[in-house]
């Protein structure tokens, strides 16, 4: 008698399905709002103008906001365009177009303003059911996001977050696991003492 080992293929997820962007779409959280304010073509790629007025975007909770050019499609995956001093753009890819549990992306880039060096490590840990004020979302993608920044004065700062994306909706929850300063965060709140370091979706509109 022969025994044939059963091999199960890991489930692959299309990242564009888990945070659909469309002009006019918005997501309201307990600390602010994310809006897609428009579109712009950069280097032949259609990008979305992404405005985050949450406490993470400006560090002090003033709600000033920060606008980025994000891309999320089947060819380029999920990322953003960074403008250099010469006003040219380069894309920073954060997540591949298709991902499965255990996949990890590591990227490093320099901020166009103060030129600090930032390194991000993003790993898909699996899926989880999430309950937030906006509702119950099943089988959300659960990412670990680790940030390390080297500042121009030679000092370092860091943060670690758990980020949850719901299929057909987008960002529903962020949990700040640890951070070295009040400003260190990627998609979460600016300080762990703000809302206990948890960002939760309250309401949203996909502009359909």
N, C-alpha and C. Protein backbone atom coordinates (compact mmCIF):
# COMPACT_ATOMS: atom_id res chain seq x y z
N UNK A 1 0.84 -1.18 0.00
CA UNK A 1 0.00 0.00 0.00
C UNK A 1 0.89 1.24 0.00
N UNK A 2 0.54 2.19 -0.84
CA UNK A 2 1.32 3.42 -0.95
C UNK A 2 0.51 4.58 -0.37
N UNK A 3 1.20 5.43 0.33
CA UNK A 3 0.58 6.62 0.90
C UNK A 3 1.07 7.85 0.14
N UNK A 4 0.15 8.60 -0.42
CA UNK A 4 0.50 9.80 -1.17
C UNK A 4 0.23 11.01 -0.27
N UNK A 5 1.24 11.81 0.03
CA UNK A 5 1.03 12.97 0.89
C UNK A 5 0.10 13.98 0.22
N UNK A 6 -0.80 14.53 1.00
CA UNK A 6 -1.73 15.54 0.48
C UNK A 6 -1.13 16.92 0.69
N UNK A 7 -1.01 17.66 -0.38
CA UNK A 7 -0.43 19.00 -0.32
C UNK A 7 -1.54 20.02 -0.60
N UNK A 8 -1.73 20.92 0.34
CA UNK A 8 -2.74 21.95 0.17
C UNK A 8 -2.08 23.26 -0.26
N UNK A 9 -2.56 23.79 -1.37
CA UNK A 9 -2.01 25.06 -1.86
C UNK A 9 -2.50 26.20 -0.96
N UNK A 10 -1.61 27.11 -0.66
CA UNK A 10 -1.97 28.25 0.17
C UNK A 10 -2.94 29.15 -0.60
N UNK A 11 -3.93 29.67 0.11
CA UNK A 11 -4.89 30.57 -0.51
C UNK A 11 -4.21 31.87 -0.91
N UNK A 12 -4.46 32.29 -2.13
CA UNK A 12 -3.88 33.53 -2.64
C UNK A 12 -4.96 34.61 -2.67
N UNK A 13 -4.60 35.81 -2.24
CA UNK A 13 -5.54 36.90 -2.16
C UNK A 13 -5.14 38.02 -3.12
N UNK A 14 -6.12 38.56 -3.81
CA UNK A 14 -5.90 39.68 -4.72
C UNK A 14 -6.02 40.96 -3.91
N UNK A 15 -4.89 41.64 -3.71
CA UNK A 15 -4.87 42.75 -2.77
C UNK A 15 -5.78 43.90 -3.21
N UNK A 16 -5.98 44.09 -4.51
CA UNK A 16 -6.85 45.18 -4.98
C UNK A 16 -8.29 45.00 -4.52
N UNK A 17 -8.68 43.75 -4.24
CA UNK A 17 -10.04 43.48 -3.77
C UNK A 17 -10.23 43.88 -2.31
N UNK A 18 -9.12 44.04 -1.59
CA UNK A 18 -9.21 44.28 -0.16
C UNK A 18 -9.07 45.74 0.25
N UNK A 19 -8.82 46.62 -0.71
CA UNK A 19 -8.90 48.05 -0.44
C UNK A 19 -9.20 48.76 -1.76
N UNK A 20 -10.45 48.70 -2.21
CA UNK A 20 -10.81 49.29 -3.51
C UNK A 20 -10.82 50.81 -3.44
N UNK A 21 -10.08 51.43 -4.36
CA UNK A 21 -10.02 52.89 -4.41
C UNK A 21 -10.89 53.41 -5.54
N UNK A 22 -11.59 54.50 -5.27
CA UNK A 22 -12.40 55.18 -6.26
C UNK A 22 -12.56 56.62 -5.83
N UNK A 23 -12.47 57.54 -6.77
CA UNK A 23 -12.60 58.95 -6.44
C UNK A 23 -13.92 59.21 -5.72
N UNK A 24 -13.83 59.90 -4.60
CA UNK A 24 -15.02 60.19 -3.80
C UNK A 24 -15.24 59.23 -2.65
N UNK A 25 -14.52 58.12 -2.61
CA UNK A 25 -14.67 57.15 -1.52
C UNK A 25 -14.06 57.73 -0.24
N UNK A 26 -14.60 57.32 0.92
CA UNK A 26 -14.04 57.77 2.19
C UNK A 26 -14.28 56.72 3.27
N UNK A 27 -13.42 56.78 4.29
CA UNK A 27 -13.48 55.89 5.45
C UNK A 27 -13.31 56.75 6.70
N UNK A 28 -14.28 56.71 7.60
CA UNK A 28 -14.22 57.51 8.82
C UNK A 28 -13.85 56.64 10.01
N UNK A 29 -12.86 57.09 10.77
CA UNK A 29 -12.36 56.33 11.92
C UNK A 29 -12.57 57.12 13.21
N UNK A 30 -12.20 56.50 14.32
CA UNK A 30 -12.35 57.17 15.61
C UNK A 30 -11.36 58.32 15.79
N UNK A 31 -10.37 58.45 14.92
CA UNK A 31 -9.39 59.53 15.05
C UNK A 31 -9.31 60.42 13.82
N UNK A 32 -10.17 60.22 12.85
CA UNK A 32 -10.09 61.04 11.64
C UNK A 32 -10.65 60.32 10.43
N UNK A 33 -10.25 60.76 9.26
CA UNK A 33 -10.87 60.28 8.03
C UNK A 33 -9.84 60.08 6.93
N UNK A 34 -10.09 59.09 6.08
CA UNK A 34 -9.32 58.89 4.85
C UNK A 34 -10.26 59.16 3.68
N UNK A 35 -9.79 59.95 2.71
CA UNK A 35 -10.61 60.28 1.54
C UNK A 35 -9.79 60.09 0.26
N UNK A 36 -10.46 59.66 -0.80
CA UNK A 36 -9.86 59.64 -2.13
C UNK A 36 -10.35 60.90 -2.83
N UNK A 37 -9.47 61.88 -2.92
CA UNK A 37 -9.89 63.21 -3.38
C UNK A 37 -9.77 63.41 -4.89
N UNK A 38 -9.09 62.49 -5.57
CA UNK A 38 -8.95 62.63 -7.02
C UNK A 38 -8.01 61.58 -7.57
N UNK A 39 -7.66 61.72 -8.84
CA UNK A 39 -6.74 60.79 -9.48
C UNK A 39 -5.69 61.59 -10.25
N UNK A 40 -4.57 60.94 -10.52
CA UNK A 40 -3.50 61.57 -11.30
C UNK A 40 -2.62 60.49 -11.91
N UNK A 41 -2.25 60.66 -13.16
CA UNK A 41 -1.36 59.70 -13.81
C UNK A 41 0.08 60.09 -13.55
N UNK A 42 0.87 59.14 -13.03
CA UNK A 42 2.28 59.37 -12.75
C UNK A 42 3.08 58.23 -13.38
N UNK A 43 4.03 58.58 -14.22
CA UNK A 43 4.87 57.58 -14.90
C UNK A 43 4.03 56.53 -15.62
N UNK A 44 2.91 56.97 -16.20
CA UNK A 44 2.05 56.07 -16.96
C UNK A 44 1.15 55.19 -16.11
N UNK A 45 1.11 55.44 -14.81
CA UNK A 45 0.29 54.63 -13.89
C UNK A 45 -0.78 55.52 -13.26
N UNK A 46 -2.01 55.02 -13.22
CA UNK A 46 -3.09 55.77 -12.61
C UNK A 46 -3.00 55.68 -11.09
N UNK A 47 -2.88 56.84 -10.43
CA UNK A 47 -2.79 56.87 -8.97
C UNK A 47 -4.01 57.58 -8.39
N UNK A 48 -4.23 57.32 -7.10
CA UNK A 48 -5.33 57.95 -6.39
C UNK A 48 -4.76 58.90 -5.34
N UNK A 49 -5.32 60.10 -5.26
CA UNK A 49 -4.92 61.05 -4.24
C UNK A 49 -5.60 60.67 -2.93
N UNK A 50 -4.79 60.29 -1.97
CA UNK A 50 -5.24 59.70 -0.72
C UNK A 50 -4.93 60.69 0.40
N UNK A 51 -5.98 61.22 1.03
CA UNK A 51 -5.82 62.21 2.09
C UNK A 51 -6.23 61.61 3.42
N UNK A 52 -5.29 61.55 4.37
CA UNK A 52 -5.55 61.01 5.70
C UNK A 52 -5.49 62.16 6.70
N UNK A 53 -6.61 62.46 7.37
CA UNK A 53 -6.65 63.52 8.36
C UNK A 53 -6.66 62.96 9.79
N UNK A 54 -6.23 61.71 9.93
CA UNK A 54 -6.16 61.10 11.25
C UNK A 54 -4.95 61.58 12.02
N UNK A 55 -4.88 61.20 13.29
CA UNK A 55 -3.79 61.66 14.15
C UNK A 55 -2.43 61.12 13.72
N UNK A 56 -2.41 60.00 13.02
CA UNK A 56 -1.14 59.43 12.56
C UNK A 56 -0.50 60.29 11.49
N UNK A 57 -1.32 60.98 10.70
CA UNK A 57 -0.80 61.70 9.54
C UNK A 57 0.04 62.90 9.90
N UNK A 58 -0.22 63.52 11.07
CA UNK A 58 0.55 64.70 11.44
C UNK A 58 1.20 64.59 12.81
N UNK A 59 0.94 63.46 13.49
CA UNK A 59 1.64 63.21 14.74
C UNK A 59 1.09 63.93 15.96
N UNK A 60 0.52 65.13 15.77
CA UNK A 60 0.05 65.89 16.92
C UNK A 60 -1.46 65.90 17.05
N UNK A 61 -2.16 65.18 16.13
CA UNK A 61 -3.60 65.10 16.21
C UNK A 61 -4.32 66.35 15.76
N UNK A 62 -3.61 67.27 15.11
CA UNK A 62 -4.24 68.52 14.69
C UNK A 62 -5.16 68.35 13.50
N UNK A 63 -5.06 67.20 12.81
CA UNK A 63 -5.98 66.93 11.71
C UNK A 63 -5.60 67.63 10.42
N UNK A 64 -4.34 68.10 10.33
CA UNK A 64 -3.92 68.79 9.12
C UNK A 64 -3.93 67.90 7.89
N UNK A 65 -3.62 66.64 8.11
CA UNK A 65 -3.71 65.69 7.01
C UNK A 65 -2.46 65.64 6.16
N UNK A 66 -2.34 64.55 5.41
CA UNK A 66 -1.23 64.35 4.48
C UNK A 66 -1.77 63.66 3.25
N UNK A 67 -1.49 64.23 2.07
CA UNK A 67 -1.99 63.65 0.83
C UNK A 67 -0.87 62.86 0.15
N UNK A 68 -1.17 61.64 -0.22
CA UNK A 68 -0.24 60.77 -0.91
C UNK A 68 -0.84 60.34 -2.24
N UNK A 69 0.03 59.85 -3.13
CA UNK A 69 -0.43 59.26 -4.38
C UNK A 69 -0.30 57.74 -4.26
N UNK A 70 -1.42 57.06 -4.09
CA UNK A 70 -1.41 55.61 -3.90
C UNK A 70 -1.82 54.89 -5.16
N UNK A 71 -1.33 53.66 -5.29
CA UNK A 71 -1.73 52.79 -6.39
C UNK A 71 -2.08 51.43 -5.81
N UNK A 72 -3.12 50.81 -6.35
CA UNK A 72 -3.50 49.46 -5.92
C UNK A 72 -4.19 48.79 -7.09
N UNK A 73 -3.44 48.01 -7.86
CA UNK A 73 -4.02 47.35 -9.03
C UNK A 73 -3.36 45.99 -9.23
N UNK A 74 -3.86 45.25 -10.23
CA UNK A 74 -3.42 43.87 -10.45
C UNK A 74 -2.01 43.78 -11.00
N UNK A 75 -1.48 44.89 -11.51
CA UNK A 75 -0.15 44.88 -12.10
C UNK A 75 0.92 45.36 -11.12
N UNK A 76 0.63 46.46 -10.43
CA UNK A 76 1.62 47.10 -9.58
C UNK A 76 1.50 46.76 -8.10
N UNK A 77 0.37 46.18 -7.71
CA UNK A 77 0.16 45.91 -6.30
C UNK A 77 -0.19 47.18 -5.55
N UNK A 78 0.09 47.18 -4.24
CA UNK A 78 -0.26 48.31 -3.37
C UNK A 78 1.01 49.08 -3.02
N UNK A 79 0.99 50.38 -3.26
CA UNK A 79 2.15 51.19 -2.95
C UNK A 79 1.85 52.67 -3.10
N UNK A 80 2.90 53.47 -3.05
CA UNK A 80 2.72 54.91 -3.20
C UNK A 80 3.88 55.50 -3.99
N UNK A 81 3.66 56.69 -4.54
CA UNK A 81 4.70 57.37 -5.30
C UNK A 81 5.35 58.43 -4.42
N UNK A 82 6.68 58.41 -4.43
CA UNK A 82 7.48 59.32 -3.63
C UNK A 82 8.16 60.31 -4.57
N UNK A 83 8.03 61.60 -4.26
CA UNK A 83 8.62 62.64 -5.10
C UNK A 83 10.02 62.98 -4.60
N UNK A 84 10.98 63.02 -5.54
CA UNK A 84 12.36 63.33 -5.20
C UNK A 84 12.58 64.84 -5.22
N UNK A 85 13.78 65.25 -4.82
CA UNK A 85 14.11 66.68 -4.80
C UNK A 85 14.05 67.29 -6.19
N UNK A 86 14.34 66.49 -7.23
CA UNK A 86 14.28 67.00 -8.60
C UNK A 86 12.87 66.94 -9.17
N UNK A 87 11.87 66.63 -8.29
CA UNK A 87 10.45 66.58 -8.62
C UNK A 87 10.05 65.38 -9.48
N UNK A 88 10.98 64.42 -9.67
CA UNK A 88 10.62 63.18 -10.33
C UNK A 88 9.99 62.24 -9.31
N UNK A 89 9.26 61.22 -9.81
CA UNK A 89 8.56 60.29 -8.93
C UNK A 89 9.12 58.88 -9.06
N UNK A 90 9.10 58.16 -7.96
CA UNK A 90 9.43 56.73 -7.97
C UNK A 90 8.41 56.01 -7.11
N UNK A 91 8.07 54.78 -7.50
CA UNK A 91 7.06 54.03 -6.76
C UNK A 91 7.68 53.17 -5.67
N UNK A 92 7.08 53.20 -4.49
CA UNK A 92 7.47 52.35 -3.38
C UNK A 92 6.40 51.28 -3.23
N UNK A 93 6.73 50.04 -3.57
CA UNK A 93 5.76 48.96 -3.49
C UNK A 93 5.72 48.39 -2.08
N UNK A 94 4.53 48.40 -1.48
CA UNK A 94 4.37 47.89 -0.12
C UNK A 94 3.89 46.44 -0.09
N UNK A 95 2.99 46.09 -1.02
CA UNK A 95 2.41 44.75 -1.05
C UNK A 95 2.30 44.31 -2.50
N UNK A 96 2.64 43.06 -2.80
CA UNK A 96 2.55 42.53 -4.15
C UNK A 96 1.07 42.43 -4.58
N UNK A 97 0.80 42.36 -5.89
CA UNK A 97 -0.60 42.30 -6.37
C UNK A 97 -1.38 41.11 -5.81
N UNK A 98 -0.71 39.97 -5.63
CA UNK A 98 -1.35 38.77 -5.07
C UNK A 98 -0.49 38.28 -3.91
N UNK A 99 -1.13 37.97 -2.79
CA UNK A 99 -0.39 37.57 -1.60
C UNK A 99 -1.02 36.32 -0.98
N UNK A 100 -0.21 35.61 -0.23
CA UNK A 100 -0.69 34.47 0.55
C UNK A 100 -0.03 34.52 1.93
N UNK A 101 -0.57 33.76 2.85
CA UNK A 101 -0.09 33.78 4.22
C UNK A 101 1.42 33.55 4.27
N UNK A 102 2.10 34.40 5.01
CA UNK A 102 3.54 34.29 5.16
C UNK A 102 4.33 35.18 4.22
N UNK A 103 3.69 35.72 3.19
CA UNK A 103 4.40 36.60 2.26
C UNK A 103 4.85 37.87 2.98
N UNK A 104 6.07 38.33 2.64
CA UNK A 104 6.64 39.48 3.31
C UNK A 104 7.30 40.41 2.30
N UNK A 105 7.13 41.71 2.51
CA UNK A 105 7.76 42.72 1.67
C UNK A 105 8.60 43.62 2.56
N UNK A 106 9.83 43.92 2.13
CA UNK A 106 10.69 44.85 2.85
C UNK A 106 11.12 45.94 1.89
N UNK A 107 10.86 47.20 2.26
CA UNK A 107 11.22 48.33 1.40
C UNK A 107 11.88 49.41 2.24
N UNK A 108 12.80 50.14 1.63
CA UNK A 108 13.46 51.27 2.27
C UNK A 108 13.39 52.47 1.35
N UNK A 109 13.19 53.64 1.92
CA UNK A 109 13.11 54.86 1.11
C UNK A 109 13.45 56.05 1.99
N UNK A 110 13.77 57.17 1.33
CA UNK A 110 14.06 58.41 2.04
C UNK A 110 12.90 59.37 1.87
N UNK A 111 12.50 59.97 2.98
CA UNK A 111 11.43 60.95 2.95
C UNK A 111 11.85 62.15 2.12
N UNK A 112 10.93 62.67 1.30
CA UNK A 112 11.27 63.78 0.41
C UNK A 112 11.46 65.09 1.16
N UNK A 113 11.00 65.15 2.42
CA UNK A 113 11.12 66.38 3.18
C UNK A 113 12.43 66.46 3.94
N UNK A 114 12.51 65.76 5.09
CA UNK A 114 13.73 65.86 5.91
C UNK A 114 14.75 64.78 5.56
N UNK A 115 14.45 63.94 4.55
CA UNK A 115 15.38 62.93 4.04
C UNK A 115 15.70 61.84 5.04
N UNK A 116 14.84 61.59 6.02
CA UNK A 116 15.09 60.47 6.92
C UNK A 116 14.91 59.15 6.17
N UNK A 117 15.66 58.15 6.58
CA UNK A 117 15.61 56.83 5.95
C UNK A 117 14.60 55.97 6.69
N UNK A 118 13.60 55.47 5.96
CA UNK A 118 12.55 54.66 6.55
C UNK A 118 12.58 53.26 5.95
N UNK A 119 12.46 52.25 6.81
CA UNK A 119 12.37 50.87 6.36
C UNK A 119 11.07 50.28 6.88
N UNK A 120 10.30 49.65 5.96
CA UNK A 120 9.05 49.01 6.32
C UNK A 120 9.14 47.52 6.02
N UNK A 121 8.67 46.70 6.93
CA UNK A 121 8.54 45.26 6.72
C UNK A 121 7.07 44.90 6.92
N UNK A 122 6.43 44.44 5.85
CA UNK A 122 5.00 44.14 5.89
C UNK A 122 4.81 42.65 5.61
N UNK A 123 4.14 41.95 6.52
CA UNK A 123 3.95 40.50 6.40
C UNK A 123 2.48 40.14 6.59
N UNK A 124 1.96 39.30 5.67
CA UNK A 124 0.60 38.80 5.82
C UNK A 124 0.62 37.63 6.80
N UNK A 125 0.03 37.86 7.97
CA UNK A 125 0.03 36.83 9.01
C UNK A 125 -1.10 35.83 8.87
N UNK A 126 -2.16 36.22 8.15
CA UNK A 126 -3.30 35.33 7.98
C UNK A 126 -4.58 36.14 7.88
N UNK A 127 -5.68 35.54 8.32
CA UNK A 127 -6.97 36.22 8.29
C UNK A 127 -7.58 36.23 9.69
N UNK A 128 -8.53 37.15 9.89
CA UNK A 128 -9.19 37.25 11.19
C UNK A 128 -10.54 37.94 11.01
N UNK A 129 -11.48 37.58 11.86
CA UNK A 129 -12.77 38.27 11.90
C UNK A 129 -12.63 39.52 12.77
N UNK A 130 -13.20 40.62 12.32
CA UNK A 130 -13.04 41.90 13.01
C UNK A 130 -14.40 42.52 13.28
N UNK A 131 -14.57 43.03 14.50
CA UNK A 131 -15.79 43.75 14.86
C UNK A 131 -15.41 45.18 15.24
N UNK A 132 -15.95 46.14 14.52
CA UNK A 132 -15.70 47.56 14.77
C UNK A 132 -17.05 48.29 14.71
N UNK A 133 -17.10 49.57 15.07
CA UNK A 133 -18.38 50.29 15.01
C UNK A 133 -19.08 50.23 13.66
N UNK A 134 -18.33 50.09 12.58
CA UNK A 134 -18.94 50.04 11.24
C UNK A 134 -19.58 48.69 10.94
N UNK A 135 -19.31 47.67 11.77
CA UNK A 135 -19.93 46.37 11.54
C UNK A 135 -18.98 45.21 11.77
N UNK A 136 -19.43 44.02 11.36
CA UNK A 136 -18.64 42.80 11.49
C UNK A 136 -18.08 42.43 10.13
N UNK A 137 -16.79 42.16 10.08
CA UNK A 137 -16.13 41.83 8.81
C UNK A 137 -15.38 40.51 8.97
N UNK A 138 -15.72 39.54 8.12
CA UNK A 138 -15.13 38.22 8.22
C UNK A 138 -13.91 38.06 7.31
N UNK A 139 -12.99 37.25 7.77
CA UNK A 139 -11.79 36.87 7.02
C UNK A 139 -11.05 38.08 6.47
N UNK A 140 -10.81 39.04 7.35
CA UNK A 140 -9.99 40.20 6.96
C UNK A 140 -8.53 39.76 6.85
N UNK A 141 -7.80 40.36 5.92
CA UNK A 141 -6.36 40.11 5.85
C UNK A 141 -5.69 40.81 7.02
N UNK A 142 -4.86 40.09 7.75
CA UNK A 142 -4.18 40.64 8.92
C UNK A 142 -2.69 40.76 8.63
N UNK A 143 -2.22 41.99 8.56
CA UNK A 143 -0.82 42.27 8.26
C UNK A 143 -0.09 42.76 9.51
N UNK A 144 1.17 42.37 9.61
CA UNK A 144 2.08 42.97 10.58
C UNK A 144 2.90 44.02 9.84
N UNK A 145 2.93 45.24 10.36
CA UNK A 145 3.68 46.32 9.71
C UNK A 145 4.72 46.85 10.70
N UNK A 146 6.00 46.66 10.38
CA UNK A 146 7.07 47.14 11.24
C UNK A 146 7.79 48.29 10.54
N UNK A 147 7.91 49.40 11.24
CA UNK A 147 8.55 50.60 10.71
C UNK A 147 9.79 50.91 11.52
N UNK A 148 10.88 51.23 10.82
CA UNK A 148 12.10 51.70 11.48
C UNK A 148 12.60 52.92 10.72
N UNK A 149 12.82 54.01 11.41
CA UNK A 149 13.25 55.24 10.77
C UNK A 149 14.60 55.70 11.35
N UNK A 150 15.52 56.05 10.45
CA UNK A 150 16.80 56.63 10.86
C UNK A 150 16.74 58.12 10.57
N UNK A 151 16.80 58.93 11.60
CA UNK A 151 16.65 60.37 11.44
C UNK A 151 17.97 61.02 11.04
N UNK A 152 17.87 62.25 10.58
CA UNK A 152 19.07 62.95 10.09
C UNK A 152 20.09 63.21 11.20
N UNK A 153 19.66 63.18 12.46
CA UNK A 153 20.60 63.37 13.56
C UNK A 153 21.24 62.06 14.01
N UNK A 154 20.92 60.96 13.28
CA UNK A 154 21.52 59.67 13.59
C UNK A 154 20.74 58.82 14.56
N UNK A 155 19.66 59.33 15.13
CA UNK A 155 18.84 58.55 16.05
C UNK A 155 17.85 57.69 15.28
N UNK A 156 17.29 56.69 15.98
CA UNK A 156 16.33 55.78 15.37
C UNK A 156 15.00 55.82 16.11
N UNK A 157 13.92 55.52 15.39
CA UNK A 157 12.62 55.31 16.00
C UNK A 157 11.95 54.14 15.29
N UNK A 158 10.92 53.59 15.92
CA UNK A 158 10.29 52.40 15.35
C UNK A 158 8.84 52.31 15.79
N UNK A 159 8.10 51.46 15.08
CA UNK A 159 6.74 51.12 15.48
C UNK A 159 6.37 49.78 14.89
N UNK A 160 5.40 49.12 15.52
CA UNK A 160 4.84 47.88 14.99
C UNK A 160 3.32 47.97 15.10
N UNK A 161 2.63 47.65 14.01
CA UNK A 161 1.17 47.70 13.98
C UNK A 161 0.61 46.41 13.41
N UNK A 162 -0.61 46.10 13.80
CA UNK A 162 -1.41 45.07 13.13
C UNK A 162 -2.48 45.78 12.32
N UNK A 163 -2.54 45.48 11.04
CA UNK A 163 -3.45 46.18 10.12
C UNK A 163 -4.41 45.17 9.52
N UNK A 164 -5.71 45.51 9.52
CA UNK A 164 -6.74 44.61 9.03
C UNK A 164 -7.45 45.23 7.83
N UNK A 165 -7.51 44.49 6.71
CA UNK A 165 -8.21 44.93 5.51
C UNK A 165 -9.35 43.97 5.22
N UNK A 166 -10.55 44.51 5.04
CA UNK A 166 -11.73 43.70 4.74
C UNK A 166 -12.00 43.70 3.25
N UNK A 167 -12.33 42.54 2.71
CA UNK A 167 -12.59 42.42 1.28
C UNK A 167 -13.76 43.31 0.87
N UNK A 168 -13.54 44.10 -0.17
CA UNK A 168 -14.58 44.98 -0.69
C UNK A 168 -14.79 46.24 0.11
N UNK A 169 -14.03 46.42 1.20
CA UNK A 169 -14.21 47.60 2.06
C UNK A 169 -12.91 48.39 2.20
N UNK A 170 -11.85 47.72 2.66
CA UNK A 170 -10.59 48.40 2.87
C UNK A 170 -10.14 48.33 4.31
N UNK A 171 -9.47 49.38 4.76
CA UNK A 171 -8.93 49.42 6.12
C UNK A 171 -10.06 49.49 7.14
N UNK A 172 -10.11 48.52 8.05
CA UNK A 172 -11.16 48.51 9.07
C UNK A 172 -10.61 48.65 10.49
N UNK A 173 -9.34 48.28 10.69
CA UNK A 173 -8.80 48.36 12.05
C UNK A 173 -7.28 48.37 12.01
N UNK A 174 -6.69 49.16 12.93
CA UNK A 174 -5.24 49.17 13.13
C UNK A 174 -4.98 49.14 14.63
N UNK A 175 -4.07 48.29 15.04
CA UNK A 175 -3.70 48.19 16.45
C UNK A 175 -2.22 48.51 16.59
N UNK A 176 -1.91 49.51 17.39
CA UNK A 176 -0.53 49.85 17.67
C UNK A 176 0.02 48.87 18.70
N UNK A 177 1.02 48.08 18.30
CA UNK A 177 1.58 47.07 19.19
C UNK A 177 2.69 47.67 20.05
N UNK A 178 3.59 48.44 19.41
CA UNK A 178 4.63 49.14 20.16
C UNK A 178 5.18 50.27 19.30
N UNK A 179 5.75 51.26 19.97
CA UNK A 179 6.36 52.37 19.25
C UNK A 179 7.29 53.11 20.18
N UNK A 180 8.26 53.81 19.60
CA UNK A 180 9.26 54.47 20.42
C UNK A 180 8.92 55.93 20.70
N UNK A 181 8.09 56.55 19.85
CA UNK A 181 7.68 57.94 20.07
C UNK A 181 6.21 58.07 19.73
N UNK A 182 5.63 59.23 20.01
CA UNK A 182 4.22 59.46 19.75
C UNK A 182 3.92 59.53 18.25
N UNK A 183 4.93 59.83 17.43
CA UNK A 183 4.68 60.05 16.01
C UNK A 183 4.80 58.80 15.17
N UNK A 184 5.39 57.73 15.70
CA UNK A 184 5.68 56.56 14.89
C UNK A 184 4.45 55.73 14.60
N UNK A 185 3.99 55.74 13.36
CA UNK A 185 2.87 54.91 12.95
C UNK A 185 2.79 54.93 11.43
N UNK A 186 2.10 53.96 10.87
CA UNK A 186 1.93 53.90 9.43
C UNK A 186 0.48 54.18 9.07
N UNK A 187 -0.44 53.33 9.54
CA UNK A 187 -1.87 53.54 9.27
C UNK A 187 -2.67 53.68 10.56
N UNK A 188 -1.99 53.79 11.68
CA UNK A 188 -2.69 53.82 12.95
C UNK A 188 -2.79 55.20 13.56
N UNK A 189 -2.98 55.25 14.87
CA UNK A 189 -3.08 56.52 15.57
C UNK A 189 -1.69 56.99 15.97
N UNK A 190 -1.55 58.29 16.19
CA UNK A 190 -0.24 58.88 16.44
C UNK A 190 0.39 58.49 17.76
N UNK A 191 -0.39 58.12 18.75
CA UNK A 191 0.16 57.71 20.03
C UNK A 191 -0.66 56.59 20.62
N UNK A 192 0.00 55.70 21.35
CA UNK A 192 -0.71 54.56 21.92
C UNK A 192 -1.69 55.00 23.02
N UNK A 193 -1.48 56.21 23.56
CA UNK A 193 -2.41 56.70 24.57
C UNK A 193 -3.66 57.30 23.95
N UNK A 194 -3.68 57.45 22.62
CA UNK A 194 -4.86 57.96 21.92
C UNK A 194 -5.73 56.76 21.54
N UNK A 195 -6.95 56.70 22.07
CA UNK A 195 -7.86 55.59 21.80
C UNK A 195 -7.20 54.25 22.10
N UNK A 196 -6.32 54.23 23.10
CA UNK A 196 -5.60 52.99 23.47
C UNK A 196 -4.82 52.40 22.31
N UNK A 197 -4.40 53.26 21.39
CA UNK A 197 -3.60 52.79 20.26
C UNK A 197 -4.38 51.95 19.27
N UNK A 198 -5.68 52.14 19.19
CA UNK A 198 -6.50 51.37 18.27
C UNK A 198 -7.28 52.31 17.35
N UNK A 199 -7.18 52.09 16.06
CA UNK A 199 -7.96 52.84 15.07
C UNK A 199 -9.04 51.92 14.53
N UNK A 200 -10.31 52.36 14.63
CA UNK A 200 -11.42 51.52 14.22
C UNK A 200 -12.32 52.26 13.23
N UNK A 201 -12.81 51.53 12.25
CA UNK A 201 -13.69 52.11 11.24
C UNK A 201 -15.09 52.35 11.82
N UNK A 202 -15.58 53.59 11.65
CA UNK A 202 -16.92 53.95 12.14
C UNK A 202 -17.94 53.95 11.01
N UNK A 203 -17.54 54.41 9.83
CA UNK A 203 -18.46 54.51 8.70
C UNK A 203 -17.62 54.63 7.43
N UNK A 204 -18.23 54.34 6.28
CA UNK A 204 -17.48 54.44 5.03
C UNK A 204 -18.44 54.56 3.85
N UNK A 205 -17.91 55.04 2.75
CA UNK A 205 -18.62 55.12 1.49
C UNK A 205 -17.65 54.80 0.36
N UNK A 206 -18.02 53.85 -0.49
CA UNK A 206 -17.15 53.44 -1.58
C UNK A 206 -17.45 54.21 -2.87
N UNK A 207 -18.35 55.19 -2.78
CA UNK A 207 -18.65 56.07 -3.91
C UNK A 207 -19.15 55.29 -5.13
N UNK A 208 -19.96 54.26 -4.91
CA UNK A 208 -20.49 53.46 -6.02
C UNK A 208 -21.57 54.21 -6.77
